[in-house]
Protein backbone atom coordinates (compact mmCIF):
# COMPACT_ATOMS: atom_id res chain seq x y z
CA MET A 1 83.54 104.69 113.54
CA VAL A 2 83.98 105.26 117.28
CA ALA A 3 84.80 102.24 119.41
CA GLN A 4 82.25 101.27 122.03
CA SER A 5 83.49 100.48 125.53
CA ASN A 6 82.71 96.76 125.16
CA ASP A 7 84.35 96.43 121.71
CA PRO A 8 87.76 94.77 121.59
CA VAL A 9 90.67 97.19 121.21
CA VAL A 10 92.13 94.93 118.47
CA SER A 11 90.27 92.50 116.25
CA LEU A 12 91.68 90.46 113.35
CA THR A 13 89.51 88.31 111.11
CA ASP A 14 91.04 85.77 108.70
CA VAL A 15 94.10 88.00 108.24
CA ARG A 16 96.67 86.89 105.70
CA LYS A 17 99.93 88.51 104.68
CA THR A 18 101.99 87.19 101.79
CA TYR A 19 105.23 88.72 100.59
CA LYS A 20 106.43 88.33 97.03
CA VAL A 21 110.12 87.41 96.79
CA GLY A 22 110.96 87.38 93.12
CA GLU A 23 108.34 85.07 91.67
CA VAL A 24 107.79 83.18 94.91
CA ASP A 25 104.92 83.92 97.32
CA VAL A 26 106.04 83.71 100.95
CA PRO A 27 103.15 83.51 103.43
CA ALA A 28 103.98 85.28 106.69
CA VAL A 29 100.51 85.22 108.31
CA LYS A 30 98.01 82.54 107.37
CA GLY A 31 94.37 83.19 108.25
CA VAL A 32 94.75 84.58 111.77
CA THR A 33 91.63 85.46 113.74
CA PHE A 34 91.70 86.84 117.29
CA SER A 35 90.64 89.80 119.38
CA ILE A 36 92.09 91.59 122.37
CA PRO A 37 89.55 92.93 124.86
CA ARG A 38 89.97 96.39 126.34
CA ARG A 39 92.00 96.65 129.54
CA ARG A 40 93.61 93.26 128.90
CA PHE A 41 97.34 92.65 128.89
CA SER A 42 98.11 90.35 125.96
CA VAL A 43 101.20 88.89 124.37
CA ILE A 44 101.97 87.41 120.99
CA VAL A 45 104.42 84.54 121.30
CA GLY A 46 105.87 82.01 118.93
CA PRO A 47 109.08 80.73 117.42
CA SER A 48 111.26 82.81 115.14
CA GLY A 49 109.64 83.23 111.74
CA SER A 50 106.10 82.52 112.95
CA GLY A 51 104.73 85.96 111.97
CA LYS A 52 104.76 87.85 115.29
CA THR A 53 106.44 90.97 113.91
CA THR A 54 104.25 90.88 110.82
CA LEU A 55 101.14 90.79 113.03
CA LEU A 56 102.40 93.74 115.07
CA ASN A 57 103.17 95.66 111.86
CA LEU A 58 99.60 95.02 110.65
CA ILE A 59 98.05 96.08 113.97
CA GLY A 60 100.33 99.14 114.09
CA CYS A 61 99.42 100.33 110.58
CA LEU A 62 102.98 99.82 109.35
CA ASP A 63 101.83 97.29 106.75
CA LYS A 64 98.59 96.20 105.10
CA PRO A 65 97.22 92.66 105.01
CA THR A 66 96.98 90.76 101.75
CA SER A 67 93.45 89.85 102.84
CA GLY A 68 91.29 89.84 105.95
CA ARG A 69 90.14 92.52 108.32
CA VAL A 70 92.12 94.43 110.95
CA ILE A 71 90.22 96.68 113.37
CA VAL A 72 92.07 98.80 115.94
CA ALA A 73 90.25 101.06 118.41
CA GLY A 74 87.03 100.58 116.45
CA GLN A 75 88.61 101.64 113.15
CA ASP A 76 88.71 99.23 110.21
CA LEU A 77 92.22 99.99 108.98
CA ALA A 78 91.32 99.12 105.37
CA THR A 79 88.94 102.10 105.27
CA LEU A 80 91.62 104.65 106.20
CA PRO A 81 92.95 106.70 103.29
CA ASP A 82 96.75 106.62 102.99
CA ASN A 83 97.09 110.20 104.26
CA ALA A 84 95.12 109.36 107.44
CA VAL A 85 97.09 106.26 108.42
CA SER A 86 99.99 108.15 110.00
CA ASP A 87 97.59 110.39 111.96
CA PHE A 88 95.71 107.34 113.25
CA ARG A 89 98.97 105.63 114.20
CA ALA A 90 100.22 108.74 116.02
CA GLN A 91 96.99 109.06 118.01
CA LYS A 92 96.08 105.42 118.71
CA VAL A 93 99.16 103.18 118.46
CA GLY A 94 102.40 103.11 120.45
CA PHE A 95 105.48 100.96 120.12
CA ILE A 96 108.18 100.15 122.64
CA PHE A 97 110.98 98.37 120.82
CA GLN A 98 112.82 95.53 122.50
CA ASN A 99 116.35 96.45 121.43
CA PHE A 100 116.35 99.78 119.65
CA SER A 101 116.46 103.25 121.21
CA LEU A 102 117.41 101.96 124.64
CA SER A 103 120.45 103.55 126.20
CA ARG A 104 122.94 100.97 127.47
CA CYS A 105 124.19 103.22 130.25
CA SER A 106 120.89 104.01 131.97
CA ARG A 107 118.05 102.17 133.56
CA HIS A 108 115.02 101.35 131.42
CA THR A 109 112.76 103.63 133.44
CA LYS A 110 115.05 106.58 132.74
CA THR A 111 115.14 105.67 129.04
CA LEU A 112 111.33 105.48 128.90
CA ASN A 113 110.88 108.73 130.85
CA THR A 114 113.25 110.75 128.63
CA PRO A 115 110.76 111.16 125.72
CA CYS A 116 108.00 111.99 128.21
CA SER A 117 110.04 114.85 129.65
CA CYS A 118 110.64 116.18 126.14
CA TRP A 119 106.91 116.32 125.44
CA ALA A 120 106.05 118.11 128.68
């Protein structure tokens, strides 16, 4: 499916993620529904342990929801075969990590530009 220009870039519908720890179910995301329109700067905020990283992992194809629907760039992630997930992630999703891979001795712009110069 190709995303239309008026479709949201990210859409989650009743998304749930539960981890099994031993015999105990630990809910990390409980029925989240939201969308992010194209060309919109958005943030996910909340206290520690509220599920922010889990949501980003679901949107970034690093994890799969226990239930619900995650659509990114017009693609329902549940319909992607396992061998296509990494290709989709490489083409459509990007991460900038808060603490990792940043050089302490250089400015952030230099750190961010370094991979770009390697790809040129």
